[in-house]
Amino acid sequence: MSRVAIGVEYDGRAYRGWQQQSRADSIQATLERALSHIADERIGVICAGRTDSGVHAREQVVHFDTQAKRTSAAWVLGTNAELPNDISVSWVRHVPDHFHARYSALTRGYRYLILNRSARSALLSGRALLVHQPLDAEAMHSGAQHLIGEHDFSAFRSSECQSHSPFRYLHSVRVSRSGPWVAIDVTANSYLHHMVRNIAGLLLSIGQGRAPPERAREQLESRQRSTGAAMAAAQGLYLWQVQYPPQFGLPADSAMIDVPAPGWPLP
């Protein structure tokens, strides 16, 4: 048996999230079917972080064990030939047996993408949140800085969250604007259920002037989800990048990519 790691991109609109489900399409099940066809054996995959229904990924990292001997081109091109157009394998690496897509990860970065203009986009329906009212990105960024560090994030967790501890360490939260595009970039060691979307919802309320930047600190300290702003929609959220120790030799992607020029928001 050998262990293989792959990078996966997907548009989450047609799926009920990453995790395999009995009565709904999932990213996991679709990917496992494609890999199993190429390997000519049953393949089960483990991901860096499970995404919810409608959430996208620029770079999900996945590992699996297999007895199949295939070239890198066969894994990438062959698997993509078996996948629908909204899921794609972007790279493959053979990794040591102790590599684990979830537990070996140092940080996970999410990006929440907002189109801040009056007109909707025909090209980005379901792939960015459209906000008509002007957003104050500087106020959003100022408020976000209250969340950096290790805290009890109970005020930003879902009632369905199964984590035993509400404590998480946020390395950075950055809000930036380029033309009509506003991006919220969050990097942490791990997350509570719906944590990033709840943070985005709070920052949107600050950007719209419905709350001051200090509201982020007040909400954090309250530890009460019931007093928080509405959760932001799934359509704007992307698993953007996952960092691993360099010895595993995965493709380098250690820094958040700057918000692109107006017109097309993804690389």
C-alpha atoms as a PDB file:
ATOM      1  CA  MET A   1       0.000   0.000   0.000  1.00  0.00           C
ATOM      2  CA  SER A   2       1.169   3.519  -0.762  1.00  0.00           C
ATOM      3  CA  ARG A   3      -0.267   6.862   0.353  1.00  0.00           C
ATOM      4  CA  VAL A   4      -1.168   9.504  -2.199  1.00  0.00           C
ATOM      5  CA  ALA A   5      -2.103  13.153  -1.622  1.00  0.00           C
ATOM      6  CA  ILE A   6      -4.049  15.200  -4.178  1.00  0.00           C
ATOM      7  CA  GLY A   7      -5.239  18.779  -4.501  1.00  0.00           C
ATOM      8  CA  VAL A   8      -8.907  19.161  -5.412  1.00  0.00           C
ATOM      9  CA  GLU A   9     -10.904  22.143  -6.663  1.00  0.00           C
ATOM     10  CA  TYR A  10     -14.683  22.187  -6.693  1.00  0.00           C
ATOM     11  CA  ASP A  11     -17.760  24.312  -7.194  1.00  0.00           C
ATOM     12  CA  GLY A  12     -20.030  23.256  -4.358  1.00  0.00           C
ATOM     13  CA  ARG A  13     -23.355  24.438  -5.737  1.00  0.00           C
ATOM     14  CA  ALA A  14     -24.610  21.026  -6.889  1.00  0.00           C
ATOM     15  CA  TYR A  15     -23.568  19.112  -3.745  1.00  0.00           C
ATOM     16  CA  ARG A  16     -24.729  18.692  -0.178  1.00  0.00           C
ATOM     17  CA  GLY A  17     -21.243  19.352   1.106  1.00  0.00           C
ATOM     18  CA  TRP A  18     -18.069  17.289   1.250  1.00  0.00           C
ATOM     19  CA  GLN A  19     -19.163  14.355   3.411  1.00  0.00           C
ATOM     20  CA  GLN A  20     -20.704  11.276   1.845  1.00  0.00           C
ATOM     21  CA  GLN A  21     -24.458  10.988   2.396  1.00  0.00           C
ATOM     22  CA  SER A  22     -26.904   8.227   1.586  1.00  0.00           C
ATOM     23  CA  ARG A  23     -29.521  10.327  -0.215  1.00  0.00           C
ATOM     24  CA  ALA A  24     -27.635  13.269  -1.682  1.00  0.00           C
ATOM     25  CA  ASP A  25     -24.673  13.936  -3.952  1.00  0.00           C
ATOM     26  CA  SER A  26     -21.451  14.784  -2.136  1.00  0.00           C
ATOM     27  CA  ILE A  27     -17.958  15.790  -3.202  1.00  0.00           C
ATOM     28  CA  GLN A  28     -16.468  12.831  -1.318  1.00  0.00           C
ATOM     29  CA  ALA A  29     -18.626  10.182  -2.989  1.00  0.00           C
ATOM     30  CA  THR A  30     -18.096  11.646  -6.453  1.00  0.00           C
ATOM     31  CA  LEU A  31     -14.326  11.799  -6.005  1.00  0.00           C
ATOM     32  CA  GLU A  32     -14.114   8.291  -4.549  1.00  0.00           C
ATOM     33  CA  ARG A  33     -15.989   6.841  -7.527  1.00  0.00           C
ATOM     34  CA  ALA A  34     -13.600   8.486  -9.979  1.00  0.00           C
ATOM     35  CA  LEU A  35     -10.447   7.449  -8.108  1.00  0.00           C
ATOM     36  CA  SER A  36     -11.735   3.888  -7.670  1.00  0.00           C
ATOM     37  CA  HIS A  37     -12.236   3.624 -11.422  1.00  0.00           C
ATOM     38  CA  ILE A  38      -8.641   4.702 -12.109  1.00  0.00           C
ATOM     39  CA  ALA A  39      -7.176   2.506  -9.358  1.00  0.00           C
ATOM     40  CA  ASP A  40      -9.381  -0.470 -10.274  1.00  0.00           C
ATOM     41  CA  GLU A  41     -10.021  -0.939  -6.555  1.00  0.00           C
ATOM     42  CA  ARG A  42     -12.157   0.642  -3.846  1.00  0.00           C
ATOM     43  CA  ILE A  43     -10.685   3.989  -2.763  1.00  0.00           C
ATOM     44  CA  GLY A  44     -11.682   5.859   0.389  1.00  0.00           C
ATOM     45  CA  VAL A  45     -10.473   9.430   0.874  1.00  0.00           C
ATOM     46  CA  ILE A  46      -9.772  11.704   3.854  1.00  0.00           C
ATOM     47  CA  CYS A  47      -9.828  15.479   3.428  1.00  0.00           C
ATOM     48  CA  ALA A  48      -8.160  18.423   5.143  1.00  0.00           C
ATOM     49  CA  GLY A  49     -11.473  19.991   6.107  1.00  0.00           C
ATOM     50  CA  ARG A  50     -15.092  19.091   5.409  1.00  0.00           C
ATOM     51  CA  THR A  51     -17.070  21.817   3.659  1.00  0.00           C
ATOM     52  CA  ASP A  52     -20.816  22.422   3.947  1.00  0.00           C
ATOM     53  CA  SER A  53     -23.492  22.358   1.293  1.00  0.00           C
ATOM     54  CA  GLY A  54     -22.849  25.012  -1.365  1.00  0.00           C
ATOM     55  CA  VAL A  55     -19.310  25.826  -0.165  1.00  0.00           C
ATOM     56  CA  HIS A  56     -16.493  25.770  -2.732  1.00  0.00           C
ATOM     57  CA  ALA A  57     -12.798  24.875  -2.626  1.00  0.00           C
ATOM     58  CA  ARG A  58      -9.851  26.392  -4.416  1.00  0.00           C
ATOM     59  CA  GLU A  59      -7.558  23.812  -2.835  1.00  0.00           C
ATOM     60  CA  GLN A  60      -8.933  20.978  -0.793  1.00  0.00           C
ATOM     61  CA  VAL A  61      -6.203  18.489   0.151  1.00  0.00           C
ATOM     62  CA  VAL A  62      -7.074  14.803   0.203  1.00  0.00           C
ATOM     63  CA  HIS A  63      -5.156  11.604   0.894  1.00  0.00           C
ATOM     64  CA  PHE A  64      -5.883   7.952   0.181  1.00  0.00           C
ATOM     65  CA  ASP A  65      -4.125   4.586   0.369  1.00  0.00           C
ATOM     66  CA  THR A  66      -3.883   2.319  -2.654  1.00  0.00           C
ATOM     67  CA  GLN A  67      -2.151  -0.725  -4.063  1.00  0.00           C
ATOM     68  CA  ALA A  68      -2.459   0.673  -7.582  1.00  0.00           C
ATOM     69  CA  LYS A  69       0.694   1.853  -9.333  1.00  0.00           C
ATOM     70  CA  ARG A  70      -0.142   4.839 -11.501  1.00  0.00           C
ATOM     71  CA  THR A  71       1.824   7.765 -12.874  1.00  0.00           C
ATOM     72  CA  SER A  72       1.059  11.267 -11.669  1.00  0.00           C
ATOM     73  CA  ALA A  73      -0.442  12.046 -15.074  1.00  0.00           C
ATOM     74  CA  ALA A  74      -2.705   9.007 -14.813  1.00  0.00           C
ATOM     75  CA  TRP A  75      -3.980  10.062 -11.394  1.00  0.00           C
ATOM     76  CA  VAL A  76      -4.623  13.666 -12.449  1.00  0.00           C
ATOM     77  CA  LEU A  77      -5.779  13.353 -16.065  1.00  0.00           C
ATOM     78  CA  GLY A  78      -7.454   9.988 -15.644  1.00  0.00           C
ATOM     79  CA  THR A  79      -9.387  11.017 -12.554  1.00  0.00           C
ATOM     80  CA  ASN A  80     -10.455  14.293 -14.140  1.00  0.00           C
ATOM     81  CA  ALA A  81     -11.791  12.378 -17.112  1.00  0.00           C
ATOM     82  CA  GLU A  82     -14.090  10.518 -14.690  1.00  0.00           C
ATOM     83  CA  LEU A  83     -15.179  13.620 -12.758  1.00  0.00           C
ATOM     84  CA  PRO A  84     -17.930  16.118 -13.601  1.00  0.00           C
ATOM     85  CA  ASN A  85     -16.809  19.570 -14.727  1.00  0.00           C
ATOM     86  CA  ASP A  86     -17.397  21.125 -11.297  1.00  0.00           C
ATOM     87  CA  ILE A  87     -14.745  18.957  -9.569  1.00  0.00           C
ATOM     88  CA  SER A  88     -11.105  18.778 -10.639  1.00  0.00           C
ATOM     89  CA  VAL A  89      -7.856  17.240  -9.378  1.00  0.00           C
ATOM     90  CA  SER A  90      -5.066  19.829  -9.770  1.00  0.00           C
ATOM     91  CA  TRP A  91      -1.977  17.960  -8.477  1.00  0.00           C
ATOM     92  CA  VAL A  92      -0.789  14.687  -6.984  1.00  0.00           C
ATOM     93  CA  ARG A  93       2.102  13.735  -4.683  1.00  0.00           C
ATOM     94  CA  HIS A  94       3.219  10.427  -3.182  1.00  0.00           C
ATOM     95  CA  VAL A  95       3.595  10.999   0.559  1.00  0.00           C
ATOM     96  CA  PRO A  96       4.920   8.987   3.542  1.00  0.00           C
ATOM     97  CA  ASP A  97       2.532   6.781   5.488  1.00  0.00           C
ATOM     98  CA  HIS A  98       2.425   9.178   8.437  1.00  0.00           C
ATOM     99  CA  PHE A  99       1.031  12.028   6.319  1.00  0.00           C
ATOM    100  CA  HIS A 100      -2.601  12.799   7.134  1.00  0.00           C
ATOM    101  CA  ALA A 101      -4.601  15.353   5.166  1.00  0.00           C
ATOM    102  CA  ARG A 102      -6.415  16.500   8.305  1.00  0.00           C
ATOM    103  CA  TYR A 103      -4.050  15.958  11.214  1.00  0.00           C
ATOM    104  CA  SER A 104      -0.826  16.977   9.442  1.00  0.00           C
ATOM    105  CA  ALA A 105      -2.237  20.372   8.440  1.00  0.00           C
ATOM    106  CA  LEU A 106      -0.741  23.413  10.181  1.00  0.00           C
ATOM    107  CA  THR A 107      -3.375  25.953   9.140  1.00  0.00           C
ATOM    108  CA  ARG A 108      -6.450  26.187   6.952  1.00  0.00           C
ATOM    109  CA  GLY A 109      -7.357  29.352   5.114  1.00  0.00           C
ATOM    110  CA  TYR A 110     -10.844  30.303   3.988  1.00  0.00           C
ATOM    111  CA  ARG A 111     -11.867  33.185   1.746  1.00  0.00           C
ATOM    112  CA  TYR A 112     -15.328  34.741   1.772  1.00  0.00           C
ATOM    113  CA  LEU A 113     -15.913  36.550  -1.509  1.00  0.00           C
ATOM    114  CA  ILE A 114     -18.345  39.468  -1.878  1.00  0.00           C
ATOM    115  CA  LEU A 115     -19.412  41.326  -5.014  1.00  0.00           C
ATOM    116  CA  ASN A 116     -20.277  44.804  -3.745  1.00  0.00           C
ATOM    117  CA  ARG A 117     -22.247  46.548  -6.488  1.00  0.00           C
ATOM    118  CA  SER A 118     -25.836  47.161  -7.524  1.00  0.00           C
ATOM    119  CA  ALA A 119     -25.866  44.853 -10.558  1.00  0.00           C
ATOM    120  CA  ARG A 120     -25.753  41.097 -10.225  1.00  0.00           C
ATOM    121  CA  SER A 121     -23.184  39.030 -12.105  1.00  0.00           C
ATOM    122  CA  ALA A 122     -24.325  36.531 -14.723  1.00  0.00           C
ATOM    123  CA  LEU A 123     -20.981  34.710 -14.475  1.00  0.00           C
ATOM    124  CA  LEU A 124     -20.740  34.403 -10.706  1.00  0.00           C
ATOM    125  CA  SER A 125     -24.215  33.394  -9.601  1.00  0.00           C
ATOM    126  CA  GLY A 126     -23.764  31.072  -6.624  1.00  0.00           C
ATOM    127  CA  ARG A 127     -20.021  31.757  -6.419  1.00  0.00           C
ATOM    128  CA  ALA A 128     -19.950  35.108  -4.597  1.00  0.00           C
ATOM    129  CA  LEU A 129     -22.312  36.968  -2.287  1.00  0.00           C
ATOM    130  CA  LEU A 130     -23.918  39.986  -3.953  1.00  0.00           C
ATOM    131  CA  VAL A 131     -24.284  42.968  -1.582  1.00  0.00           C
ATOM    132  CA  HIS A 132     -25.961  46.061  -3.049  1.00  0.00           C
ATOM    133  CA  GLN A 133     -25.324  48.438  -0.136  1.00  0.00           C
ATOM    134  CA  PRO A 134     -21.804  49.968  -0.075  1.00  0.00           C
ATOM    135  CA  LEU A 135     -19.487  48.190   2.351  1.00  0.00           C
ATOM    136  CA  ASP A 136     -16.863  49.887   4.509  1.00  0.00           C
ATOM    137  CA  ALA A 137     -14.030  47.357   4.113  1.00  0.00           C
ATOM    138  CA  GLU A 138     -11.759  49.319   6.461  1.00  0.00           C
ATOM    139  CA  ALA A 139     -14.317  49.142   9.273  1.00  0.00           C
ATOM    140  CA  MET A 140     -14.768  45.428   8.611  1.00  0.00           C
ATOM    141  CA  HIS A 141     -11.020  44.876   8.811  1.00  0.00           C
ATOM    142  CA  SER A 142     -10.768  46.901  12.015  1.00  0.00           C
ATOM    143  CA  GLY A 143     -13.491  44.840  13.651  1.00  0.00           C
ATOM    144  CA  ALA A 144     -11.947  41.588  12.482  1.00  0.00           C
ATOM    145  CA  GLN A 145      -8.719  42.298  14.376  1.00  0.00           C
ATOM    146  CA  HIS A 146     -10.558  41.750  17.682  1.00  0.00           C
ATOM    147  CA  LEU A 147     -10.890  38.071  16.759  1.00  0.00           C
ATOM    148  CA  ILE A 148      -7.210  37.272  16.259  1.00  0.00           C
ATOM    149  CA  GLY A 149      -5.592  34.923  18.784  1.00  0.00           C
ATOM    150  CA  GLU A 150      -6.865  32.059  20.902  1.00  0.00           C
ATOM    151  CA  HIS A 151     -10.413  32.561  22.141  1.00  0.00           C
ATOM    152  CA  ASP A 152     -13.608  30.820  23.102  1.00  0.00           C
ATOM    153  CA  PHE A 153     -15.558  31.148  19.832  1.00  0.00           C
ATOM    154  CA  SER A 154     -18.887  29.932  21.214  1.00  0.00           C
ATOM    155  CA  ALA A 155     -20.526  33.085  19.831  1.00  0.00           C
ATOM    156  CA  PHE A 156     -19.585  31.971  16.315  1.00  0.00           C
ATOM    157  CA  ARG A 157     -20.378  28.245  16.435  1.00  0.00           C
ATOM    158  CA  SER A 158     -23.403  26.421  15.116  1.00  0.00           C
ATOM    159  CA  SER A 159     -25.836  24.756  17.518  1.00  0.00           C
ATOM    160  CA  GLU A 160     -25.036  21.538  15.592  1.00  0.00           C
ATOM    161  CA  CYS A 161     -21.296  21.816  16.270  1.00  0.00           C
ATOM    162  CA  GLN A 162     -19.916  18.586  17.723  1.00  0.00           C
ATOM    163  CA  SER A 163     -16.513  19.891  18.817  1.00  0.00           C
ATOM    164  CA  HIS A 164     -15.661  19.167  22.461  1.00  0.00           C
ATOM    165  CA  SER A 165     -13.950  22.543  22.875  1.00  0.00           C
ATOM    166  CA  PRO A 166     -15.040  26.008  21.675  1.00  0.00           C
ATOM    167  CA  PHE A 167     -11.446  27.304  21.747  1.00  0.00           C
ATOM    168  CA  ARG A 168      -9.714  28.000  18.454  1.00  0.00           C
ATOM    169  CA  TYR A 169      -6.639  30.005  17.428  1.00  0.00           C
ATOM    170  CA  LEU A 170      -7.126  32.530  14.625  1.00  0.00           C
ATOM    171  CA  HIS A 171      -3.779  33.436  13.057  1.00  0.00           C
ATOM    172  CA  SER A 172      -5.176  36.227  10.901  1.00  0.00           C
ATOM    173  CA  VAL A 173      -8.361  37.834   9.631  1.00  0.00           C
ATOM    174  CA  ARG A 174      -8.004  40.248   6.736  1.00  0.00           C
ATOM    175  CA  VAL A 175     -10.633  42.239   4.849  1.00  0.00           C
ATOM    176  CA  SER A 176      -9.500  43.789   1.570  1.00  0.00           C
ATOM    177  CA  ARG A 177     -11.114  45.474  -1.398  1.00  0.00           C
ATOM    178  CA  SER A 178     -10.279  45.598  -5.101  1.00  0.00           C
ATOM    179  CA  GLY A 179     -12.849  47.560  -7.087  1.00  0.00           C
ATOM    180  CA  PRO A 180     -16.260  45.992  -6.415  1.00  0.00           C
ATOM    181  CA  TRP A 181     -14.719  42.882  -4.846  1.00  0.00           C
ATOM    182  CA  VAL A 182     -14.385  42.510  -1.090  1.00  0.00           C
ATOM    183  CA  ALA A 183     -12.608  39.469   0.355  1.00  0.00           C
ATOM    184  CA  ILE A 184     -12.565  38.220   3.933  1.00  0.00           C
ATOM    185  CA  ASP A 185      -9.533  35.957   4.457  1.00  0.00           C
ATOM    186  CA  VAL A 186      -9.418  33.873   7.634  1.00  0.00           C
ATOM    187  CA  THR A 187      -6.542  31.613   8.687  1.00  0.00           C
ATOM    188  CA  ALA A 188      -6.716  29.305  11.719  1.00  0.00           C
ATOM    189  CA  ASN A 189      -5.499  25.969  12.967  1.00  0.00           C
ATOM    190  CA  SER A 190      -9.050  24.604  12.850  1.00  0.00           C
ATOM    191  CA  TYR A 191     -12.639  25.811  12.972  1.00  0.00           C
ATOM    192  CA  LEU A 192     -15.953  25.259  14.670  1.00  0.00           C
ATOM    193  CA  HIS A 193     -19.010  24.399  12.586  1.00  0.00           C
ATOM    194  CA  HIS A 194     -20.168  27.483  10.608  1.00  0.00           C
ATOM    195  CA  MET A 195     -17.515  29.606  12.332  1.00  0.00           C
ATOM    196  CA  VAL A 196     -16.251  31.396   9.207  1.00  0.00           C
ATOM    197  CA  ARG A 197     -19.734  32.105   7.864  1.00  0.00           C
ATOM    198  CA  ASN A 198     -20.777  33.516  11.251  1.00  0.00           C
ATOM    199  CA  ILE A 199     -17.676  35.722  11.324  1.00  0.00           C
ATOM    200  CA  ALA A 200     -18.490  36.893   7.789  1.00  0.00           C
ATOM    201  CA  GLY A 201     -22.057  37.691   8.832  1.00  0.00           C
ATOM    202  CA  LEU A 202     -20.834  39.872  11.701  1.00  0.00           C
ATOM    203  CA  LEU A 203     -18.310  41.684   9.506  1.00  0.00           C
ATOM    204  CA  LEU A 204     -20.990  42.326   6.885  1.00  0.00           C
ATOM    205  CA  SER A 205     -23.152  44.014   9.532  1.00  0.00           C
ATOM    206  CA  ILE A 206     -20.161  46.202  10.452  1.00  0.00           C
ATOM    207  CA  GLY A 207     -19.459  47.006   6.811  1.00  0.00           C
ATOM    208  CA  GLN A 208     -23.076  48.064   6.277  1.00  0.00           C
ATOM    209  CA  GLY A 209     -22.922  50.409   9.281  1.00  0.00           C
ATOM    210  CA  ARG A 210     -25.383  48.422  11.365  1.00  0.00           C
ATOM    211  CA  ALA A 211     -22.742  47.815  14.051  1.00  0.00           C
ATOM    212  CA  PRO A 212     -19.435  49.488  15.031  1.00  0.00           C
ATOM    213  CA  PRO A 213     -16.117  47.620  14.674  1.00  0.00           C
ATOM    214  CA  GLU A 214     -16.072  47.104  18.463  1.00  0.00           C
ATOM    215  CA  ARG A 215     -19.116  44.875  18.082  1.00  0.00           C
ATOM    216  CA  ALA A 216     -16.772  42.047  17.043  1.00  0.00           C
ATOM    217  CA  ARG A 217     -15.056  42.119  20.448  1.00  0.00           C
ATOM    218  CA  GLU A 218     -18.395  42.369  22.279  1.00  0.00           C
ATOM    219  CA  GLN A 219     -19.834  39.436  20.367  1.00  0.00           C
ATOM    220  CA  LEU A 220     -16.736  37.316  20.996  1.00  0.00           C
ATOM    221  CA  GLU A 221     -16.798  38.043  24.729  1.00  0.00           C
ATOM    222  CA  SER A 222     -20.540  37.311  25.003  1.00  0.00           C
ATOM    223  CA  ARG A 223     -19.999  33.657  24.036  1.00  0.00           C
ATOM    224  CA  GLN A 224     -23.642  33.690  22.932  1.00  0.00           C
ATOM    225  CA  ARG A 225     -24.488  32.752  19.361  1.00  0.00           C
ATOM    226  CA  SER A 226     -28.086  33.927  19.881  1.00  0.00           C
ATOM    227  CA  THR A 227     -26.990  37.581  19.996  1.00  0.00           C
ATOM    228  CA  GLY A 228     -24.876  37.414  16.817  1.00  0.00           C
ATOM    229  CA  ALA A 229     -25.528  38.687  13.311  1.00  0.00           C
ATOM    230  CA  ALA A 230     -27.127  36.437  10.719  1.00  0.00           C
ATOM    231  CA  MET A 231     -24.859  33.788   9.225  1.00  0.00           C
ATOM    232  CA  ALA A 232     -23.529  34.664   5.768  1.00  0.00           C
ATOM    233  CA  ALA A 233     -24.711  32.512   2.865  1.00  0.00           C
ATOM    234  CA  ALA A 234     -22.618  29.518   1.801  1.00  0.00           C
ATOM    235  CA  GLN A 235     -22.187  30.705  -1.791  1.00  0.00           C
ATOM    236  CA  GLY A 236     -19.385  33.158  -0.990  1.00  0.00           C
ATOM    237  CA  LEU A 237     -17.187  30.745   0.973  1.00  0.00           C
ATOM    238  CA  TYR A 238     -14.098  28.964  -0.374  1.00  0.00           C
ATOM    239  CA  LEU A 239     -11.609  26.631   1.275  1.00  0.00           C
ATOM    240  CA  TRP A 240      -8.694  28.637  -0.084  1.00  0.00           C
ATOM    241  CA  GLN A 241      -5.494  26.920   1.031  1.00  0.00           C
ATOM    242  CA  VAL A 242      -4.081  24.427   3.530  1.00  0.00           C
ATOM    243  CA  GLN A 243      -0.542  24.616   4.902  1.00  0.00           C
ATOM    244  CA  TYR A 244       1.601  21.582   5.738  1.00  0.00           C
ATOM    245  CA  PRO A 245       5.158  21.098   7.009  1.00  0.00           C
ATOM    246  CA  PRO A 246       7.575  21.462   4.073  1.00  0.00           C
ATOM    247  CA  GLN A 247       9.021  17.970   4.472  1.00  0.00           C
ATOM    248  CA  PHE A 248       5.923  16.483   2.843  1.00  0.00           C
ATOM    249  CA  GLY A 249       6.802  18.192  -0.438  1.00  0.00           C
ATOM    250  CA  LEU A 250       3.321  19.414  -1.283  1.00  0.00           C
ATOM    251  CA  PRO A 251       2.960  22.316  -3.741  1.00  0.00           C
ATOM    252  CA  ALA A 252       3.987  25.564  -2.056  1.00  0.00           C
ATOM    253  CA  ASP A 253       1.070  27.872  -1.382  1.00  0.00           C
ATOM    254  CA  SER A 254       1.995  29.435   1.917  1.00  0.00           C
ATOM    255  CA  ALA A 255       0.496  32.893   1.491  1.00  0.00           C
ATOM    256  CA  MET A 256      -2.974  34.157   0.820  1.00  0.00           C
ATOM    257  CA  ILE A 257      -3.332  35.319  -2.773  1.00  0.00           C
ATOM    258  CA  ASP A 258      -4.130  39.007  -3.140  1.00  0.00           C
ATOM    259  CA  VAL A 259      -7.617  39.955  -4.279  1.00  0.00           C
ATOM    260  CA  PRO A 260      -7.411  39.970  -8.102  1.00  0.00           C
ATOM    261  CA  ALA A 261      -8.231  42.957 -10.245  1.00  0.00           C
ATOM    262  CA  PRO A 262     -11.948  43.645 -10.835  1.00  0.00           C
ATOM    263  CA  GLY A 263     -13.586  41.450 -13.432  1.00  0.00           C
ATOM    264  CA  TRP A 264     -12.781  37.904 -12.363  1.00  0.00           C
ATOM    265  CA  PRO A 265     -12.197  37.059  -8.699  1.00  0.00           C
ATOM    266  CA  LEU A 266     -10.563  33.639  -8.854  1.00  0.00           C
ATOM    267  CA  PRO A 267      -7.135  32.486 -10.092  1.00  0.00           C
END
